[in-house]
Amino acid sequence: MKASDFDRAFDDGEDIDHLIDWTSGLRPNLEAHRVELDIPFWMISKIDREAETLGVKPQDLIQRWISEKLS
């Protein structure tokens, strides 16, 4: 299939799922990097309480907050 035909099918709202090899797809810039951060105890306590209230891990909560701030 030519790229122009693929683009037209996509733009027309056709189902193109069968044309894509989803097993080889990559999502760039999603690899994790460990960082070290000194945070006062009172902040850690508040983060832990908020995470528990929301039913998530503190690390996930911090990642969500950072993501929201950077979006």
PDB file of N, CA and C in Angstrom:
ATOM      1  N   MET A   1       0.848  -1.174   0.000  1.00  0.00           N
ATOM      2  CA  MET A   1       0.000   0.000   0.000  1.00  0.00           C
ATOM      3  C   MET A   1       0.894   1.237   0.000  1.00  0.00           C
ATOM      4  N   LYS A   2       0.546   2.185  -0.818  1.00  0.00           N
ATOM      5  CA  LYS A   2       1.285   3.441  -0.863  1.00  0.00           C
ATOM      6  C   LYS A   2       0.952   4.277   0.366  1.00  0.00           C
ATOM      7  N   ALA A   3       1.889   5.112   0.751  1.00  0.00           N
ATOM      8  CA  ALA A   3       1.680   5.983   1.909  1.00  0.00           C
ATOM      9  C   ALA A   3       0.477   6.893   1.693  1.00  0.00           C
ATOM     10  N   SER A   4       0.298   7.364   0.470  1.00  0.00           N
ATOM     11  CA  SER A   4      -0.840   8.255   0.194  1.00  0.00           C
ATOM     12  C   SER A   4      -2.170   7.513   0.371  1.00  0.00           C
ATOM     13  N   ASP A   5      -2.207   6.227   0.000  1.00  0.00           N
ATOM     14  CA  ASP A   5      -3.427   5.432   0.195  1.00  0.00           C
ATOM     15  C   ASP A   5      -3.685   5.201   1.679  1.00  0.00           C
ATOM     16  N   PHE A   6      -2.619   4.942   2.420  1.00  0.00           N
ATOM     17  CA  PHE A   6      -2.740   4.758   3.867  1.00  0.00           C
ATOM     18  C   PHE A   6      -3.265   6.036   4.512  1.00  0.00           C
ATOM     19  N   ASP A   7      -2.674   7.169   4.141  1.00  0.00           N
ATOM     20  CA  ASP A   7      -3.103   8.458   4.694  1.00  0.00           C
ATOM     21  C   ASP A   7      -4.567   8.741   4.374  1.00  0.00           C
ATOM     22  N   ARG A   8      -4.979   8.446   3.144  1.00  0.00           N
ATOM     23  CA  ARG A   8      -6.361   8.683   2.745  1.00  0.00           C
ATOM     24  C   ARG A   8      -7.303   7.802   3.566  1.00  0.00           C
ATOM     25  N   ALA A   9      -6.933   6.523   3.728  1.00  0.00           N
ATOM     26  CA  ALA A   9      -7.767   5.606   4.515  1.00  0.00           C
ATOM     27  C   ALA A   9      -7.892   6.102   5.951  1.00  0.00           C
ATOM     28  N   PHE A  10      -6.790   6.547   6.522  1.00  0.00           N
ATOM     29  CA  PHE A  10      -6.812   7.073   7.890  1.00  0.00           C
ATOM     30  C   PHE A  10      -7.687   8.317   7.972  1.00  0.00           C
ATOM     31  N   ASP A  11      -7.479   9.246   7.047  1.00  0.00           N
ATOM     32  CA  ASP A  11      -8.249  10.494   7.044  1.00  0.00           C
ATOM     33  C   ASP A  11      -9.744  10.252   6.832  1.00  0.00           C
ATOM     34  N   ASP A  12     -10.071   9.195   6.094  1.00  0.00           N
ATOM     35  CA  ASP A  12     -11.478   8.863   5.837  1.00  0.00           C
ATOM     36  C   ASP A  12     -12.106   8.076   6.979  1.00  0.00           C
ATOM     37  N   GLY A  13     -11.318   7.790   8.006  1.00  0.00           N
ATOM     38  CA  GLY A  13     -11.844   7.082   9.171  1.00  0.00           C
ATOM     39  C   GLY A  13     -11.955   5.579   8.995  1.00  0.00           C
ATOM     40  N   GLU A  14     -11.290   5.047   7.984  1.00  0.00           N
ATOM     41  CA  GLU A  14     -11.328   3.601   7.765  1.00  0.00           C
ATOM     42  C   GLU A  14     -10.509   2.886   8.836  1.00  0.00           C
ATOM     43  N   ASP A  15     -10.837   1.616   9.058  1.00  0.00           N
ATOM     44  CA  ASP A  15     -10.088   0.799  10.011  1.00  0.00           C
ATOM     45  C   ASP A  15      -8.749   0.427   9.380  1.00  0.00           C
ATOM     46  N   ILE A  16      -7.667   0.922   9.954  1.00  0.00           N
ATOM     47  CA  ILE A  16      -6.330   0.642   9.422  1.00  0.00           C
ATOM     48  C   ILE A  16      -5.535  -0.262  10.355  1.00  0.00           C
ATOM     49  N   ASP A  17      -6.193  -0.782  11.368  1.00  0.00           N
ATOM     50  CA  ASP A  17      -5.510  -1.589  12.376  1.00  0.00           C
ATOM     51  C   ASP A  17      -4.782  -2.780  11.751  1.00  0.00           C
ATOM     52  N   HIS A  18      -5.401  -3.422  10.776  1.00  0.00           N
ATOM     53  CA  HIS A  18      -4.795  -4.599  10.146  1.00  0.00           C
ATOM     54  C   HIS A  18      -3.567  -4.243   9.297  1.00  0.00           C
ATOM     55  N   LEU A  19      -3.349  -2.977   9.049  1.00  0.00           N
ATOM     56  CA  LEU A  19      -2.219  -2.541   8.233  1.00  0.00           C
ATOM     57  C   LEU A  19      -0.984  -2.191   9.061  1.00  0.00           C
ATOM     58  N   ILE A  20      -1.120  -2.208  10.374  1.00  0.00           N
ATOM     59  CA  ILE A  20      -0.037  -1.776  11.253  1.00  0.00           C
ATOM     60  C   ILE A  20       0.496  -2.960  12.042  1.00  0.00           C
ATOM     61  N   ASP A  21       1.820  -3.080  12.100  1.00  0.00           N
ATOM     62  CA  ASP A  21       2.465  -4.109  12.920  1.00  0.00           C
ATOM     63  C   ASP A  21       2.691  -3.512  14.303  1.00  0.00           C
ATOM     64  N   TRP A  22       1.742  -3.728  15.203  1.00  0.00           N
ATOM     65  CA  TRP A  22       1.797  -3.135  16.537  1.00  0.00           C
ATOM     66  C   TRP A  22       2.908  -3.731  17.390  1.00  0.00           C
ATOM     67  N   THR A  23       3.433  -4.905  17.038  1.00  0.00           N
ATOM     68  CA  THR A  23       4.468  -5.549  17.857  1.00  0.00           C
ATOM     69  C   THR A  23       5.812  -4.852  17.734  1.00  0.00           C
ATOM     70  N   SER A  24       6.008  -4.077  16.690  1.00  0.00           N
ATOM     71  CA  SER A  24       7.304  -3.433  16.495  1.00  0.00           C
ATOM     72  C   SER A  24       7.287  -1.947  16.841  1.00  0.00           C
ATOM     73  N   GLY A  25       6.165  -1.459  17.327  1.00  0.00           N
ATOM     74  CA  GLY A  25       6.057  -0.033  17.648  1.00  0.00           C
ATOM     75  C   GLY A  25       6.852   0.347  18.887  1.00  0.00           C
ATOM     76  N   LEU A  26       7.385   1.527  18.883  1.00  0.00           N
ATOM     77  CA  LEU A  26       8.136   2.058  20.018  1.00  0.00           C
ATOM     78  C   LEU A  26       7.521   3.369  20.472  1.00  0.00           C
ATOM     79  N   ARG A  27       7.598   3.616  21.761  1.00  0.00           N
ATOM     80  CA  ARG A  27       7.159   4.899  22.308  1.00  0.00           C
ATOM     81  C   ARG A  27       8.411   5.584  22.838  1.00  0.00           C
ATOM     82  N   PRO A  28       8.945   6.539  22.105  1.00  0.00           N
ATOM     83  CA  PRO A  28      10.221   7.153  22.485  1.00  0.00           C
ATOM     84  C   PRO A  28      10.125   7.977  23.766  1.00  0.00           C
ATOM     85  N   ASN A  29      11.250   8.104  24.416  1.00  0.00           N
ATOM     86  CA  ASN A  29      11.423   8.941  25.610  1.00  0.00           C
ATOM     87  C   ASN A  29      10.596   8.483  26.806  1.00  0.00           C
ATOM     88  N   LEU A  30      10.277   7.193  26.883  1.00  0.00           N
ATOM     89  CA  LEU A  30       9.515   6.695  28.014  1.00  0.00           C
ATOM     90  C   LEU A  30      10.354   5.834  28.957  1.00  0.00           C
ATOM     91  N   GLU A  31      11.617   5.632  28.623  1.00  0.00           N
ATOM     92  CA  GLU A  31      12.448   4.832  29.509  1.00  0.00           C
ATOM     93  C   GLU A  31      12.674   5.593  30.814  1.00  0.00           C
ATOM     94  N   ALA A  32      12.680   4.852  31.894  1.00  0.00           N
ATOM     95  CA  ALA A  32      12.804   5.474  33.218  1.00  0.00           C
ATOM     96  C   ALA A  32      14.269   5.765  33.546  1.00  0.00           C
ATOM     97  N   HIS A  33      14.487   6.846  34.254  1.00  0.00           N
ATOM     98  CA  HIS A  33      15.804   7.214  34.770  1.00  0.00           C
ATOM     99  C   HIS A  33      15.648   7.480  36.256  1.00  0.00           C
ATOM    100  N   ARG A  34      16.519   6.905  37.030  1.00  0.00           N
ATOM    101  CA  ARG A  34      16.460   7.083  38.476  1.00  0.00           C
ATOM    102  C   ARG A  34      17.067   8.436  38.843  1.00  0.00           C
ATOM    103  N   VAL A  35      16.390   9.141  39.732  1.00  0.00           N
ATOM    104  CA  VAL A  35      16.895  10.412  40.243  1.00  0.00           C
ATOM    105  C   VAL A  35      16.902  10.353  41.763  1.00  0.00           C
ATOM    106  N   GLU A  36      17.779  11.110  42.345  1.00  0.00           N
ATOM    107  CA  GLU A  36      17.839  11.211  43.799  1.00  0.00           C
ATOM    108  C   GLU A  36      17.389  12.608  44.179  1.00  0.00           C
ATOM    109  N   LEU A  37      16.513  12.680  45.159  1.00  0.00           N
ATOM    110  CA  LEU A  37      15.921  13.950  45.532  1.00  0.00           C
ATOM    111  C   LEU A  37      15.805  14.015  47.044  1.00  0.00           C
ATOM    112  N   ASP A  38      16.356  15.045  47.641  1.00  0.00           N
ATOM    113  CA  ASP A  38      16.237  15.236  49.086  1.00  0.00           C
ATOM    114  C   ASP A  38      14.971  16.037  49.364  1.00  0.00           C
ATOM    115  N   ILE A  39      14.059  15.428  50.131  1.00  0.00           N
ATOM    116  CA  ILE A  39      12.781  16.051  50.451  1.00  0.00           C
ATOM    117  C   ILE A  39      12.618  16.040  51.961  1.00  0.00           C
ATOM    118  N   PRO A  40      12.197  17.160  52.553  1.00  0.00           N
ATOM    119  CA  PRO A  40      11.993  17.200  54.002  1.00  0.00           C
ATOM    120  C   PRO A  40      10.967  16.158  54.447  1.00  0.00           C
ATOM    121  N   PHE A  41      11.144  15.674  55.665  1.00  0.00           N
ATOM    122  CA  PHE A  41      10.280  14.626  56.206  1.00  0.00           C
ATOM    123  C   PHE A  41       8.811  15.022  56.182  1.00  0.00           C
ATOM    124  N   TRP A  42       8.498  16.272  56.495  1.00  0.00           N
ATOM    125  CA  TRP A  42       7.098  16.682  56.528  1.00  0.00           C
ATOM    126  C   TRP A  42       6.445  16.551  55.156  1.00  0.00           C
ATOM    127  N   MET A  43       7.224  16.792  54.079  1.00  0.00           N
ATOM    128  CA  MET A  43       6.678  16.635  52.728  1.00  0.00           C
ATOM    129  C   MET A  43       6.442  15.160  52.412  1.00  0.00           C
ATOM    130  N   ILE A  44       7.390  14.325  52.812  1.00  0.00           N
ATOM    131  CA  ILE A  44       7.246  12.887  52.590  1.00  0.00           C
ATOM    132  C   ILE A  44       5.987  12.376  53.288  1.00  0.00           C
ATOM    133  N   SER A  45       5.768  12.849  54.509  1.00  0.00           N
ATOM    134  CA  SER A  45       4.585  12.423  55.264  1.00  0.00           C
ATOM    135  C   SER A  45       3.302  12.823  54.549  1.00  0.00           C
ATOM    136  N   LYS A  46       3.263  14.044  54.028  1.00  0.00           N
ATOM    137  CA  LYS A  46       2.066  14.511  53.313  1.00  0.00           C
ATOM    138  C   LYS A  46       1.867  13.737  52.007  1.00  0.00           C
ATOM    139  N   ILE A  47       2.957  13.470  51.319  1.00  0.00           N
ATOM    140  CA  ILE A  47       2.875  12.692  50.075  1.00  0.00           C
ATOM    141  C   ILE A  47       2.349  11.293  50.374  1.00  0.00           C
ATOM    142  N   ASP A  48       2.875  10.668  51.417  1.00  0.00           N
ATOM    143  CA  ASP A  48       2.429   9.324  51.794  1.00  0.00           C
ATOM    144  C   ASP A  48       0.940   9.312  52.129  1.00  0.00           C
ATOM    145  N   ARG A  49       0.477  10.296  52.877  1.00  0.00           N
ATOM    146  CA  ARG A  49      -0.940  10.362  53.244  1.00  0.00           C
ATOM    147  C   ARG A  49      -1.821  10.566  52.009  1.00  0.00           C
ATOM    148  N   GLU A  50      -1.408  11.471  51.139  1.00  0.00           N
ATOM    149  CA  GLU A  50      -2.186  11.739  49.922  1.00  0.00           C
ATOM    150  C   GLU A  50      -2.229  10.499  49.030  1.00  0.00           C
ATOM    151  N   ALA A  51      -1.097   9.824  48.890  1.00  0.00           N
ATOM    152  CA  ALA A  51      -1.048   8.610  48.075  1.00  0.00           C
ATOM    153  C   ALA A  51      -1.964   7.537  48.652  1.00  0.00           C
ATOM    154  N   GLU A  52      -1.951   7.394  49.972  1.00  0.00           N
ATOM    155  CA  GLU A  52      -2.813   6.403  50.614  1.00  0.00           C
ATOM    156  C   GLU A  52      -4.287   6.748  50.401  1.00  0.00           C
ATOM    157  N   THR A  53      -4.615   8.019  50.505  1.00  0.00           N
ATOM    158  CA  THR A  53      -5.993   8.461  50.277  1.00  0.00           C
ATOM    159  C   THR A  53      -6.455   8.116  48.863  1.00  0.00           C
ATOM    160  N   LEU A  54      -5.562   8.298  47.895  1.00  0.00           N
ATOM    161  CA  LEU A  54      -5.905   8.041  46.495  1.00  0.00           C
ATOM    162  C   LEU A  54      -5.741   6.575  46.101  1.00  0.00           C
ATOM    163  N   GLY A  55      -5.114   5.790  46.976  1.00  0.00           N
ATOM    164  CA  GLY A  55      -4.913   4.375  46.681  1.00  0.00           C
ATOM    165  C   GLY A  55      -3.836   4.109  45.657  1.00  0.00           C
ATOM    166  N   VAL A  56      -2.811   4.968  45.645  1.00  0.00           N
ATOM    167  CA  VAL A  56      -1.695   4.793  44.716  1.00  0.00           C
ATOM    168  C   VAL A  56      -0.389   4.790  45.493  1.00  0.00           C
ATOM    169  N   LYS A  57       0.679   4.379  44.831  1.00  0.00           N
ATOM    170  CA  LYS A  57       1.999   4.425  45.452  1.00  0.00           C
ATOM    171  C   LYS A  57       2.492   5.869  45.461  1.00  0.00           C
ATOM    172  N   PRO A  58       3.271   6.244  46.477  1.00  0.00           N
ATOM    173  CA  PRO A  58       3.812   7.608  46.502  1.00  0.00           C
ATOM    174  C   PRO A  58       4.588   7.959  45.232  1.00  0.00           C
ATOM    175  N   GLN A  59       5.357   7.012  44.716  1.00  0.00           N
ATOM    176  CA  GLN A  59       6.127   7.276  43.497  1.00  0.00           C
ATOM    177  C   GLN A  59       5.198   7.608  42.333  1.00  0.00           C
ATOM    178  N   ASP A  60       4.097   6.873  42.210  1.00  0.00           N
ATOM    179  CA  ASP A  60       3.144   7.141  41.128  1.00  0.00           C
ATOM    180  C   ASP A  60       2.497   8.515  41.283  1.00  0.00           C
ATOM    181  N   LEU A  61       2.207   8.882  42.513  1.00  0.00           N
ATOM    182  CA  LEU A  61       1.621  10.198  42.771  1.00  0.00           C
ATOM    183  C   LEU A  61       2.592  11.312  42.384  1.00  0.00           C
ATOM    184  N   ILE A  62       3.839  11.169  42.776  1.00  0.00           N
ATOM    185  CA  ILE A  62       4.856  12.178  42.442  1.00  0.00           C
ATOM    186  C   ILE A  62       5.016  12.272  40.929  1.00  0.00           C
ATOM    187  N   GLN A  63       5.062  11.121  40.250  1.00  0.00           N
ATOM    188  CA  GLN A  63       5.182  11.135  38.788  1.00  0.00           C
ATOM    189  C   GLN A  63       3.985  11.838  38.149  1.00  0.00           C
ATOM    190  N   ARG A  64       2.794  11.588  38.664  1.00  0.00           N
ATOM    191  CA  ARG A  64       1.590  12.239  38.131  1.00  0.00           C
ATOM    192  C   ARG A  64       1.679  13.750  38.314  1.00  0.00           C
ATOM    193  N   TRP A  65       2.069  14.182  39.521  1.00  0.00           N
ATOM    194  CA  TRP A  65       2.172  15.619  39.785  1.00  0.00           C
ATOM    195  C   TRP A  65       3.190  16.286  38.864  1.00  0.00           C
ATOM    196  N   ILE A  66       4.332  15.659  38.698  1.00  0.00           N
ATOM    197  CA  ILE A  66       5.364  16.236  37.825  1.00  0.00           C
ATOM    198  C   ILE A  66       4.852  16.289  36.389  1.00  0.00           C
ATOM    199  N   SER A  67       4.207  15.223  35.948  1.00  0.00           N
ATOM    200  CA  SER A  67       3.665  15.188  34.592  1.00  0.00           C
ATOM    201  C   SER A  67       2.637  16.295  34.372  1.00  0.00           C
ATOM    202  N   GLU A  68       1.751  16.492  35.344  1.00  0.00           N
ATOM    203  CA  GLU A  68       0.744  17.552  35.233  1.00  0.00           C
ATOM    204  C   GLU A  68       1.396  18.927  35.167  1.00  0.00           C
ATOM    205  N   LYS A  69       2.428  19.125  35.944  1.00  0.00           N
ATOM    206  CA  LYS A  69       3.106  20.423  35.975  1.00  0.00           C
ATOM    207  C   LYS A  69       3.820  20.700  34.649  1.00  0.00           C
ATOM    208  N   LEU A  70       4.367  19.655  34.031  1.00  0.00           N
ATOM    209  CA  LEU A  70       5.128  19.830  32.798  1.00  0.00           C
ATOM    210  C   LEU A  70       4.253  19.840  31.547  1.00  0.00           C
ATOM    211  N   SER A  71       2.993  19.451  31.680  1.00  0.00           N
ATOM    212  CA  SER A  71       2.098  19.404  30.507  1.00  0.00           C
ATOM    213  C   SER A  71       1.598  20.781  30.134  1.00  0.00           C
TER     214      SER A  71
END
